[in-house]
């Protein structure tokens, strides 16, 4: 390269390359790459092996959690909408809680 490029010349080169779809330009010591850098290929992680028994345990636990959450939501609704019925369940011990008086 005889003389270094001025900032105006560099800006013009970059603009022309971008507008014309040039992704790599090299002239002497000047190297311009336009666009995202190349990403290395993604290698998938190895799959974990899970036994059928473990899958059933996980499914049962998820089902129990869902039932618990539904029951809890229903009790919270009852506590607000029908406090006397909620209190009756507490007195009977049906909620698993004891009333200390």
PDB file of N, CA and C in Angstrom:
ATOM      1  N   UNK A   1       0.851  -1.151   0.000  1.00  0.00           N
ATOM      2  CA  UNK A   1       0.000   0.000   0.000  1.00  0.00           C
ATOM      3  C   UNK A   1       0.908   1.228   0.000  1.00  0.00           C
ATOM      4  N   UNK A   2       0.670   2.132  -0.929  1.00  0.00           N
ATOM      5  CA  UNK A   2       1.533   3.303  -1.058  1.00  0.00           C
ATOM      6  C   UNK A   2       1.317   4.304   0.072  1.00  0.00           C
ATOM      7  N   UNK A   3       0.089   4.717   0.302  1.00  0.00           N
ATOM      8  CA  UNK A   3      -0.194   5.692   1.355  1.00  0.00           C
ATOM      9  C   UNK A   3      -1.386   5.194   2.160  1.00  0.00           C
ATOM     10  N   UNK A   4      -1.443   5.565   3.425  1.00  0.00           N
ATOM     11  CA  UNK A   4      -2.592   5.123   4.235  1.00  0.00           C
ATOM     12  C   UNK A   4      -3.875   5.800   3.769  1.00  0.00           C
ATOM     13  N   UNK A   5      -4.992   5.097   3.965  1.00  0.00           N
ATOM     14  CA  UNK A   5      -6.286   5.664   3.611  1.00  0.00           C
ATOM     15  C   UNK A   5      -6.668   6.744   4.613  1.00  0.00           C
ATOM     16  N   UNK A   6      -7.348   7.771   4.127  1.00  0.00           N
ATOM     17  CA  UNK A   6      -7.890   8.795   5.030  1.00  0.00           C
ATOM     18  C   UNK A   6      -9.185   8.240   5.638  1.00  0.00           C
ATOM     19  N   UNK A   7      -9.675   8.899   6.679  1.00  0.00           N
ATOM     20  CA  UNK A   7     -10.926   8.461   7.303  1.00  0.00           C
ATOM     21  C   UNK A   7     -12.078   8.512   6.311  1.00  0.00           C
ATOM     22  N   UNK A   8     -12.117   9.516   5.456  1.00  0.00           N
ATOM     23  CA  UNK A   8     -13.177   9.622   4.440  1.00  0.00           C
ATOM     24  C   UNK A   8     -13.119   8.440   3.483  1.00  0.00           C
ATOM     25  N   UNK A   9     -11.899   8.103   3.064  1.00  0.00           N
ATOM     26  CA  UNK A   9     -11.739   6.973   2.137  1.00  0.00           C
ATOM     27  C   UNK A   9     -12.152   5.666   2.802  1.00  0.00           C
ATOM     28  N   UNK A  10     -11.756   5.466   4.066  1.00  0.00           N
ATOM     29  CA  UNK A  10     -12.148   4.239   4.782  1.00  0.00           C
ATOM     30  C   UNK A  10     -13.664   4.155   4.928  1.00  0.00           C
ATOM     31  N   UNK A  11     -14.280   5.267   5.298  1.00  0.00           N
ATOM     32  CA  UNK A  11     -15.736   5.289   5.450  1.00  0.00           C
ATOM     33  C   UNK A  11     -16.413   4.940   4.131  1.00  0.00           C
ATOM     34  N   UNK A  12     -15.893   5.479   3.032  1.00  0.00           N
ATOM     35  CA  UNK A  12     -16.469   5.211   1.707  1.00  0.00           C
ATOM     36  C   UNK A  12     -16.294   3.735   1.327  1.00  0.00           C
ATOM     37  N   UNK A  13     -15.123   3.170   1.602  1.00  0.00           N
ATOM     38  CA  UNK A  13     -14.868   1.752   1.307  1.00  0.00           C
ATOM     39  C   UNK A  13     -15.840   0.877   2.093  1.00  0.00           C
ATOM     40  N   UNK A  14     -15.984   1.169   3.382  1.00  0.00           N
ATOM     41  CA  UNK A  14     -16.883   0.370   4.226  1.00  0.00           C
ATOM     42  C   UNK A  14     -18.322   0.483   3.736  1.00  0.00           C
ATOM     43  N   UNK A  15     -18.751   1.695   3.409  1.00  0.00           N
ATOM     44  CA  UNK A  15     -20.121   1.911   2.929  1.00  0.00           C
ATOM     45  C   UNK A  15     -20.381   1.144   1.636  1.00  0.00           C
ATOM     46  N   UNK A  16     -19.448   1.225   0.695  1.00  0.00           N
ATOM     47  CA  UNK A  16     -19.604   0.531  -0.588  1.00  0.00           C
ATOM     48  C   UNK A  16     -19.649  -0.980  -0.369  1.00  0.00           C
ATOM     49  N   UNK A  17     -18.744  -1.495   0.481  1.00  0.00           N
ATOM     50  CA  UNK A  17     -18.727  -2.934   0.746  1.00  0.00           C
ATOM     51  C   UNK A  17     -20.062  -3.383   1.347  1.00  0.00           C
ATOM     52  N   UNK A  18     -20.546  -2.613   2.314  1.00  0.00           N
ATOM     53  CA  UNK A  18     -21.805  -2.962   2.979  1.00  0.00           C
ATOM     54  C   UNK A  18     -22.963  -2.920   1.988  1.00  0.00           C
ATOM     55  N   UNK A  19     -23.055  -1.854   1.211  1.00  0.00           N
ATOM     56  CA  UNK A  19     -24.157  -1.705   0.257  1.00  0.00           C
ATOM     57  C   UNK A  19     -24.132  -2.761  -0.841  1.00  0.00           C
ATOM     58  N   UNK A  20     -22.938  -3.209  -1.224  1.00  0.00           N
ATOM     59  CA  UNK A  20     -22.821  -4.195  -2.299  1.00  0.00           C
ATOM     60  C   UNK A  20     -22.794  -5.634  -1.785  1.00  0.00           C
ATOM     61  N   UNK A  21     -22.955  -5.815  -0.480  1.00  0.00           N
ATOM     62  CA  UNK A  21     -23.018  -7.169   0.081  1.00  0.00           C
ATOM     63  C   UNK A  21     -21.670  -7.838   0.248  1.00  0.00           C
ATOM     64  N   UNK A  22     -20.597  -7.060   0.241  1.00  0.00           N
ATOM     65  CA  UNK A  22     -19.261  -7.624   0.442  1.00  0.00           C
ATOM     66  C   UNK A  22     -19.068  -7.852   1.940  1.00  0.00           C
ATOM     67  N   UNK A  23     -18.727  -9.078   2.313  1.00  0.00           N
ATOM     68  CA  UNK A  23     -18.566  -9.354   3.738  1.00  0.00           C
ATOM     69  C   UNK A  23     -17.100  -9.325   4.171  1.00  0.00           C
ATOM     70  N   UNK A  24     -16.167  -9.429   3.210  1.00  0.00           N
ATOM     71  CA  UNK A  24     -14.746  -9.392   3.555  1.00  0.00           C
ATOM     72  C   UNK A  24     -13.998  -8.644   2.454  1.00  0.00           C
ATOM     73  N   UNK A  25     -13.162  -7.696   2.883  1.00  0.00           N
ATOM     74  CA  UNK A  25     -12.370  -6.901   1.947  1.00  0.00           C
ATOM     75  C   UNK A  25     -10.947  -6.828   2.470  1.00  0.00           C
ATOM     76  N   UNK A  26      -9.988  -7.079   1.569  1.00  0.00           N
ATOM     77  CA  UNK A  26      -8.578  -7.022   1.969  1.00  0.00           C
ATOM     78  C   UNK A  26      -7.796  -6.292   0.883  1.00  0.00           C
ATOM     79  N   UNK A  27      -7.019  -5.304   1.311  1.00  0.00           N
ATOM     80  CA  UNK A  27      -6.165  -4.562   0.391  1.00  0.00           C
ATOM     81  C   UNK A  27      -4.899  -4.205   1.148  1.00  0.00           C
ATOM     82  N   UNK A  28      -3.815  -4.855   0.839  1.00  0.00           N
ATOM     83  CA  UNK A  28      -2.561  -4.643   1.560  1.00  0.00           C
ATOM     84  C   UNK A  28      -2.734  -5.018   3.021  1.00  0.00           C
ATOM     85  N   UNK A  29      -2.423  -4.082   3.902  1.00  0.00           N
ATOM     86  CA  UNK A  29      -2.565  -4.329   5.338  1.00  0.00           C
ATOM     87  C   UNK A  29      -3.992  -4.095   5.835  1.00  0.00           C
ATOM     88  N   UNK A  30      -4.845  -3.537   4.995  1.00  0.00           N
ATOM     89  CA  UNK A  30      -6.229  -3.243   5.387  1.00  0.00           C
ATOM     90  C   UNK A  30      -7.098  -4.486   5.204  1.00  0.00           C
ATOM     91  N   UNK A  31      -7.743  -4.898   6.291  1.00  0.00           N
ATOM     92  CA  UNK A  31      -8.660  -6.036   6.239  1.00  0.00           C
ATOM     93  C   UNK A  31      -9.957  -5.609   6.913  1.00  0.00           C
ATOM     94  N   UNK A  32     -11.070  -5.768   6.192  1.00  0.00           N
ATOM     95  CA  UNK A  32     -12.375  -5.374   6.722  1.00  0.00           C
ATOM     96  C   UNK A  32     -13.322  -6.574   6.615  1.00  0.00           C
ATOM     97  N   UNK A  33     -13.947  -6.892   7.732  1.00  0.00           N
ATOM     98  CA  UNK A  33     -14.967  -7.941   7.746  1.00  0.00           C
ATOM     99  C   UNK A  33     -16.267  -7.279   8.189  1.00  0.00           C
ATOM    100  N   UNK A  34     -17.312  -7.414   7.371  1.00  0.00           N
ATOM    101  CA  UNK A  34     -18.610  -6.805   7.665  1.00  0.00           C
ATOM    102  C   UNK A  34     -19.597  -7.907   8.011  1.00  0.00           C
ATOM    103  N   UNK A  35     -20.334  -7.693   9.097  1.00  0.00           N
ATOM    104  CA  UNK A  35     -21.328  -8.679   9.536  1.00  0.00           C
ATOM    105  C   UNK A  35     -20.866  -9.351  10.805  1.00  0.00           C
ATOM    106  N   UNK A  36     -21.700 -10.262  11.260  1.00  0.00           N
ATOM    107  CA  UNK A  36     -21.403 -10.970  12.502  1.00  0.00           C
ATOM    108  C   UNK A  36     -20.225 -11.913  12.296  1.00  0.00           C
ATOM    109  N   UNK A  37     -19.387 -12.063  13.304  1.00  0.00           N
ATOM    110  CA  UNK A  37     -18.281 -13.017  13.176  1.00  0.00           C
ATOM    111  C   UNK A  37     -18.821 -14.438  13.060  1.00  0.00           C
ATOM    112  N   UNK A  38     -18.075 -15.250  12.389  1.00  0.00           N
ATOM    113  CA  UNK A  38     -18.498 -16.644  12.231  1.00  0.00           C
ATOM    114  C   UNK A  38     -18.502 -17.325  13.587  1.00  0.00           C
ATOM    115  N   UNK A  39     -19.579 -18.039  13.857  1.00  0.00           N
ATOM    116  CA  UNK A  39     -19.721 -18.756  15.116  1.00  0.00           C
ATOM    117  C   UNK A  39     -19.245 -20.194  14.929  1.00  0.00           C
ATOM    118  N   UNK A  40     -18.552 -20.723  15.915  1.00  0.00           N
ATOM    119  CA  UNK A  40     -18.171 -22.130  15.814  1.00  0.00           C
ATOM    120  C   UNK A  40     -19.438 -22.989  15.850  1.00  0.00           C
ATOM    121  N   UNK A  41     -19.410 -24.141  15.224  1.00  0.00           N
ATOM    122  CA  UNK A  41     -20.604 -24.989  15.235  1.00  0.00           C
ATOM    123  C   UNK A  41     -20.962 -25.398  16.663  1.00  0.00           C
ATOM    124  N   UNK A  42     -22.245 -25.461  16.912  1.00  0.00           N
ATOM    125  CA  UNK A  42     -22.738 -25.835  18.235  1.00  0.00           C
ATOM    126  C   UNK A  42     -22.830 -27.353  18.306  1.00  0.00           C
ATOM    127  N   UNK A  43     -22.179 -27.896  19.306  1.00  0.00           N
ATOM    128  CA  UNK A  43     -22.268 -29.341  19.496  1.00  0.00           C
ATOM    129  C   UNK A  43     -23.269 -29.608  20.613  1.00  0.00           C
ATOM    130  N   UNK A  44     -24.248 -30.442  20.338  1.00  0.00           N
ATOM    131  CA  UNK A  44     -25.266 -30.702  21.358  1.00  0.00           C
ATOM    132  C   UNK A  44     -24.666 -31.448  22.550  1.00  0.00           C
ATOM    133  N   UNK A  45     -25.213 -31.154  23.708  1.00  0.00           N
ATOM    134  CA  UNK A  45     -24.774 -31.844  24.915  1.00  0.00           C
ATOM    135  C   UNK A  45     -25.273 -33.278  24.870  1.00  0.00           C
ATOM    136  N   UNK A  46     -24.527 -34.181  25.458  1.00  0.00           N
ATOM    137  CA  UNK A  46     -24.992 -35.571  25.458  1.00  0.00           C
ATOM    138  C   UNK A  46     -26.293 -35.687  26.266  1.00  0.00           C
ATOM    139  N   UNK A  47     -27.166 -36.535  25.786  1.00  0.00           N
ATOM    140  CA  UNK A  47     -28.441 -36.743  26.466  1.00  0.00           C
ATOM    141  C   UNK A  47     -28.241 -37.596  27.707  1.00  0.00           C
ATOM    142  N   UNK A  48     -28.921 -37.207  28.759  1.00  0.00           N
ATOM    143  CA  UNK A  48     -28.858 -38.000  29.983  1.00  0.00           C
ATOM    144  C   UNK A  48     -29.786 -39.205  29.831  1.00  0.00           C
ATOM    145  N   UNK A  49     -29.344 -40.294  30.311  1.00  0.00           N
ATOM    146  CA  UNK A  49     -30.183 -41.501  30.262  1.00  0.00           C
ATOM    147  C   UNK A  49     -30.957 -41.596  31.555  1.00  0.00           C
ATOM    148  N   UNK A  50     -32.270 -41.692  31.417  1.00  0.00           N
ATOM    149  CA  UNK A  50     -33.142 -41.768  32.572  1.00  0.00           C
ATOM    150  C   UNK A  50     -33.961 -43.045  32.452  1.00  0.00           C
ATOM    151  N   UNK A  51     -34.003 -43.783  33.544  1.00  0.00           N
ATOM    152  CA  UNK A  51     -34.744 -45.039  33.518  1.00  0.00           C
ATOM    153  C   UNK A  51     -36.240 -44.765  33.518  1.00  0.00           C
ATOM    154  N   UNK A  52     -36.995 -45.747  33.060  1.00  0.00           N
ATOM    155  CA  UNK A  52     -38.458 -45.631  33.038  1.00  0.00           C
ATOM    156  C   UNK A  52     -38.994 -45.438  34.451  1.00  0.00           C
ATOM    157  N   UNK A  53     -38.356 -46.084  35.422  1.00  0.00           N
ATOM    158  CA  UNK A  53     -38.780 -45.939  36.815  1.00  0.00           C
ATOM    159  C   UNK A  53     -38.622 -44.497  37.277  1.00  0.00           C
ATOM    160  N   UNK A  54     -37.515 -43.871  36.928  1.00  0.00           N
ATOM    161  CA  UNK A  54     -37.257 -42.484  37.308  1.00  0.00           C
ATOM    162  C   UNK A  54     -38.261 -41.552  36.630  1.00  0.00           C
ATOM    163  N   UNK A  55     -38.573 -41.828  35.367  1.00  0.00           N
ATOM    164  CA  UNK A  55     -39.556 -41.017  34.650  1.00  0.00           C
ATOM    165  C   UNK A  55     -40.910 -41.099  35.348  1.00  0.00           C
ATOM    166  N   UNK A  56     -41.307 -42.307  35.771  1.00  0.00           N
ATOM    167  CA  UNK A  56     -42.576 -42.472  36.495  1.00  0.00           C
ATOM    168  C   UNK A  56     -42.557 -41.727  37.825  1.00  0.00           C
ATOM    169  N   UNK A  57     -41.429 -41.782  38.533  1.00  0.00           N
ATOM    170  CA  UNK A  57     -41.321 -41.066  39.808  1.00  0.00           C
ATOM    171  C   UNK A  57     -41.465 -39.557  39.600  1.00  0.00           C
ATOM    172  N   UNK A  58     -40.833 -39.056  38.568  1.00  0.00           N
ATOM    173  CA  UNK A  58     -40.915 -37.625  38.267  1.00  0.00           C
ATOM    174  C   UNK A  58     -42.349 -37.245  37.908  1.00  0.00           C
ATOM    175  N   UNK A  59     -43.008 -38.070  37.088  1.00  0.00           N
ATOM    176  CA  UNK A  59     -44.389 -37.796  36.691  1.00  0.00           C
ATOM    177  C   UNK A  59     -45.323 -37.839  37.898  1.00  0.00           C
ATOM    178  N   UNK A  60     -45.126 -38.823  38.777  1.00  0.00           N
ATOM    179  CA  UNK A  60     -45.965 -38.922  39.976  1.00  0.00           C
ATOM    180  C   UNK A  60     -45.751 -37.707  40.882  1.00  0.00           C
ATOM    181  N   UNK A  61     -44.500 -37.298  41.040  1.00  0.00           N
ATOM    182  CA  UNK A  61     -44.203 -36.135  41.871  1.00  0.00           C
ATOM    183  C   UNK A  61     -44.849 -34.880  41.290  1.00  0.00           C
ATOM    184  N   UNK A  62     -44.777 -34.715  39.964  1.00  0.00           N
ATOM    185  CA  UNK A  62     -45.388 -33.558  39.306  1.00  0.00           C
ATOM    186  C   UNK A  62     -46.902 -33.585  39.482  1.00  0.00           C
ATOM    187  N   UNK A  63     -47.505 -34.779  39.395  1.00  0.00           N
ATOM    188  CA  UNK A  63     -48.951 -34.921  39.576  1.00  0.00           C
ATOM    189  C   UNK A  63     -49.339 -34.573  41.010  1.00  0.00           C
ATOM    190  N   UNK A  64     -48.569 -35.064  41.978  1.00  0.00           N
ATOM    191  CA  UNK A  64     -48.851 -34.748  43.383  1.00  0.00           C
ATOM    192  C   UNK A  64     -48.709 -33.248  43.644  1.00  0.00           C
ATOM    193  N   UNK A  65     -47.702 -32.635  43.065  1.00  0.00           N
ATOM    194  CA  UNK A  65     -47.504 -31.193  43.229  1.00  0.00           C
ATOM    195  C   UNK A  65     -48.685 -30.429  42.644  1.00  0.00           C
ATOM    196  N   UNK A  66     -49.163 -30.872  41.483  1.00  0.00           N
ATOM    197  CA  UNK A  66     -50.302 -30.224  40.844  1.00  0.00           C
ATOM    198  C   UNK A  66     -51.557 -30.350  41.706  1.00  0.00           C
ATOM    199  N   UNK A  67     -51.773 -31.549  42.268  1.00  0.00           N
ATOM    200  CA  UNK A  67     -52.924 -31.765  43.149  1.00  0.00           C
ATOM    201  C   UNK A  67     -52.812 -30.886  44.392  1.00  0.00           C
ATOM    202  N   UNK A  68     -51.632 -30.811  44.961  1.00  0.00           N
ATOM    203  CA  UNK A  68     -51.404 -29.989  46.150  1.00  0.00           C
ATOM    204  C   UNK A  68     -51.696 -28.516  45.841  1.00  0.00           C
ATOM    205  N   UNK A  69     -51.169 -28.034  44.714  1.00  0.00           N
ATOM    206  CA  UNK A  69     -51.380 -26.641  44.337  1.00  0.00           C
ATOM    207  C   UNK A  69     -52.864 -26.339  44.132  1.00  0.00           C
ATOM    208  N   UNK A  70     -53.589 -27.265  43.480  1.00  0.00           N
ATOM    209  CA  UNK A  70     -55.031 -27.078  43.260  1.00  0.00           C
ATOM    210  C   UNK A  70     -55.779 -27.036  44.577  1.00  0.00           C
ATOM    211  N   UNK A  71     -55.441 -27.961  45.493  1.00  0.00           N
ATOM    212  CA  UNK A  71     -56.101 -27.995  46.796  1.00  0.00           C
ATOM    213  C   UNK A  71     -55.810 -26.726  47.585  1.00  0.00           C
ATOM    214  N   UNK A  72     -54.574 -26.289  47.544  1.00  0.00           N
ATOM    215  CA  UNK A  72     -54.189 -25.073  48.257  1.00  0.00           C
ATOM    216  C   UNK A  72     -54.959 -23.868  47.723  1.00  0.00           C
ATOM    217  N   UNK A  73     -55.061 -23.778  46.392  1.00  0.00           N
ATOM    218  CA  UNK A  73     -55.815 -22.676  45.788  1.00  0.00           C
ATOM    219  C   UNK A  73     -57.281 -22.721  46.197  1.00  0.00           C
ATOM    220  N   UNK A  74     -57.867 -23.921  46.214  1.00  0.00           N
ATOM    221  CA  UNK A  74     -59.273 -24.067  46.604  1.00  0.00           C
ATOM    222  C   UNK A  74     -59.470 -23.653  48.062  1.00  0.00           C
ATOM    223  N   UNK A  75     -58.548 -24.049  48.939  1.00  0.00           N
ATOM    224  CA  UNK A  75     -58.660 -23.675  50.353  1.00  0.00           C
ATOM    225  C   UNK A  75     -58.501 -22.164  50.542  1.00  0.00           C
ATOM    226  N   UNK A  76     -57.594 -21.558  49.805  1.00  0.00           N
ATOM    227  CA  UNK A  76     -57.422 -20.111  49.909  1.00  0.00           C
ATOM    228  C   UNK A  76     -58.677 -19.383  49.446  1.00  0.00           C
ATOM    229  N   UNK A  77     -59.297 -19.904  48.393  1.00  0.00           N
ATOM    230  CA  UNK A  77     -60.555 -19.321  47.910  1.00  0.00           C
ATOM    231  C   UNK A  77     -61.650 -19.497  48.947  1.00  0.00           C
ATOM    232  N   UNK A  78     -61.727 -20.695  49.540  1.00  0.00           N
ATOM    233  CA  UNK A  78     -62.731 -20.958  50.574  1.00  0.00           C
ATOM    234  C   UNK A  78     -62.516 -20.029  51.774  1.00  0.00           C
ATOM    235  N   UNK A  79     -61.290 -19.833  52.151  1.00  0.00           N
ATOM    236  CA  UNK A  79     -60.972 -18.971  53.293  1.00  0.00           C
ATOM    237  C   UNK A  79     -61.519 -17.567  53.085  1.00  0.00           C
ATOM    238  N   UNK A  80     -61.496 -17.084  51.831  1.00  0.00           N
ATOM    239  CA  UNK A  80     -61.987 -15.741  51.521  1.00  0.00           C
ATOM    240  C   UNK A  80     -63.500 -15.739  51.288  1.00  0.00           C
ATOM    241  N   UNK A  81     -63.998 -16.721  50.498  1.00  0.00           N
ATOM    242  CA  UNK A  81     -65.395 -16.707  50.087  1.00  0.00           C
ATOM    243  C   UNK A  81     -66.344 -17.350  51.100  1.00  0.00           C
ATOM    244  N   UNK A  82     -65.856 -18.313  51.873  1.00  0.00           N
ATOM    245  CA  UNK A  82     -66.712 -18.996  52.846  1.00  0.00           C
ATOM    246  C   UNK A  82     -65.911 -19.272  54.118  1.00  0.00           C
ATOM    247  N   UNK A  83     -65.610 -18.223  54.893  1.00  0.00           N
ATOM    248  CA  UNK A  83     -64.753 -18.388  56.063  1.00  0.00           C
ATOM    249  C   UNK A  83     -65.321 -19.351  57.103  1.00  0.00           C
ATOM    250  N   UNK A  84     -66.649 -19.423  57.217  1.00  0.00           N
ATOM    251  CA  UNK A  84     -67.226 -20.323  58.226  1.00  0.00           C
ATOM    252  C   UNK A  84     -66.978 -21.788  57.853  1.00  0.00           C
ATOM    253  N   UNK A  85     -67.078 -22.141  56.589  1.00  0.00           N
ATOM    254  CA  UNK A  85     -66.797 -23.517  56.162  1.00  0.00           C
ATOM    255  C   UNK A  85     -65.315 -23.836  56.349  1.00  0.00           C
ATOM    256  N   UNK A  86     -64.471 -22.858  56.072  1.00  0.00           N
ATOM    257  CA  UNK A  86     -63.034 -23.038  56.252  1.00  0.00           C
ATOM    258  C   UNK A  86     -62.718 -23.284  57.727  1.00  0.00           C
ATOM    259  N   UNK A  87     -63.331 -22.491  58.595  1.00  0.00           N
ATOM    260  CA  UNK A  87     -63.108 -22.638  60.029  1.00  0.00           C
ATOM    261  C   UNK A  87     -63.637 -23.979  60.532  1.00  0.00           C
ATOM    262  N   UNK A  88     -64.756 -24.431  59.979  1.00  0.00           N
ATOM    263  CA  UNK A  88     -65.307 -25.731  60.364  1.00  0.00           C
ATOM    264  C   UNK A  88     -64.317 -26.849  60.018  1.00  0.00           C
ATOM    265  N   UNK A  89     -63.690 -26.761  58.851  1.00  0.00           N
ATOM    266  CA  UNK A  89     -62.688 -27.755  58.470  1.00  0.00           C
ATOM    267  C   UNK A  89     -61.489 -27.708  59.411  1.00  0.00           C
ATOM    268  N   UNK A  90     -61.103 -26.502  59.803  1.00  0.00           N
ATOM    269  CA  UNK A  90     -59.995 -26.373  60.747  1.00  0.00           C
ATOM    270  C   UNK A  90     -60.336 -27.041  62.079  1.00  0.00           C
ATOM    271  N   UNK A  91     -61.551 -26.793  62.578  1.00  0.00           N
ATOM    272  CA  UNK A  91     -61.980 -27.362  63.854  1.00  0.00           C
ATOM    273  C   UNK A  91     -62.027 -28.883  63.778  1.00  0.00           C
ATOM    274  N   UNK A  92     -62.471 -29.414  62.654  1.00  0.00           N
ATOM    275  CA  UNK A  92     -62.552 -30.869  62.485  1.00  0.00           C
ATOM    276  C   UNK A  92     -61.162 -31.491  62.314  1.00  0.00           C
ATOM    277  N   UNK A  93     -60.187 -30.673  62.037  1.00  0.00           N
ATOM    278  CA  UNK A  93     -58.837 -31.191  61.830  1.00  0.00           C
ATOM    279  C   UNK A  93     -58.641 -31.739  60.417  1.00  0.00           C
ATOM    280  N   UNK A  94     -59.591 -31.432  59.527  1.00  0.00           N
ATOM    281  CA  UNK A  94     -59.532 -31.957  58.157  1.00  0.00           C
ATOM    282  C   UNK A  94     -58.430 -31.302  57.337  1.00  0.00           C
ATOM    283  N   UNK A  95     -57.904 -30.176  57.796  1.00  0.00           N
ATOM    284  CA  UNK A  95     -56.866 -29.483  57.036  1.00  0.00           C
ATOM    285  C   UNK A  95     -55.459 -29.834  57.519  1.00  0.00           C
ATOM    286  N   UNK A  96     -55.381 -30.694  58.509  1.00  0.00           N
ATOM    287  CA  UNK A  96     -54.071 -31.087  58.988  1.00  0.00           C
ATOM    288  C   UNK A  96     -53.442 -30.039  59.882  1.00  0.00           C
ATOM    289  N   UNK A  97     -54.187 -29.018  60.250  1.00  0.00           N
ATOM    290  CA  UNK A  97     -53.690 -27.983  61.139  1.00  0.00           C
ATOM    291  C   UNK A  97     -54.472 -28.063  62.425  1.00  0.00           C
ATOM    292  N   UNK A  98     -53.862 -27.696  63.505  1.00  0.00           N
ATOM    293  CA  UNK A  98     -54.565 -27.679  64.795  1.00  0.00           C
ATOM    294  C   UNK A  98     -54.801 -26.263  65.196  1.00  0.00           C
ATOM    295  N   UNK A  99     -55.962 -26.046  65.782  1.00  0.00           N
ATOM    296  CA  UNK A  99     -56.296 -24.728  66.297  1.00  0.00           C
ATOM    297  C   UNK A  99     -55.940 -24.680  67.746  1.00  0.00           C
ATOM    298  N   UNK A 100     -55.109 -23.763  68.122  1.00  0.00           N
ATOM    299  CA  UNK A 100     -54.682 -23.633  69.528  1.00  0.00           C
ATOM    300  C   UNK A 100     -55.445 -22.500  70.174  1.00  0.00           C
ATOM    301  N   UNK A 101     -56.335 -22.804  71.137  1.00  0.00           N
ATOM    302  CA  UNK A 101     -57.063 -21.769  71.890  1.00  0.00           C
ATOM    303  C   UNK A 101     -56.822 -22.003  73.344  1.00  0.00           C
TER     304      UNK A 101
END
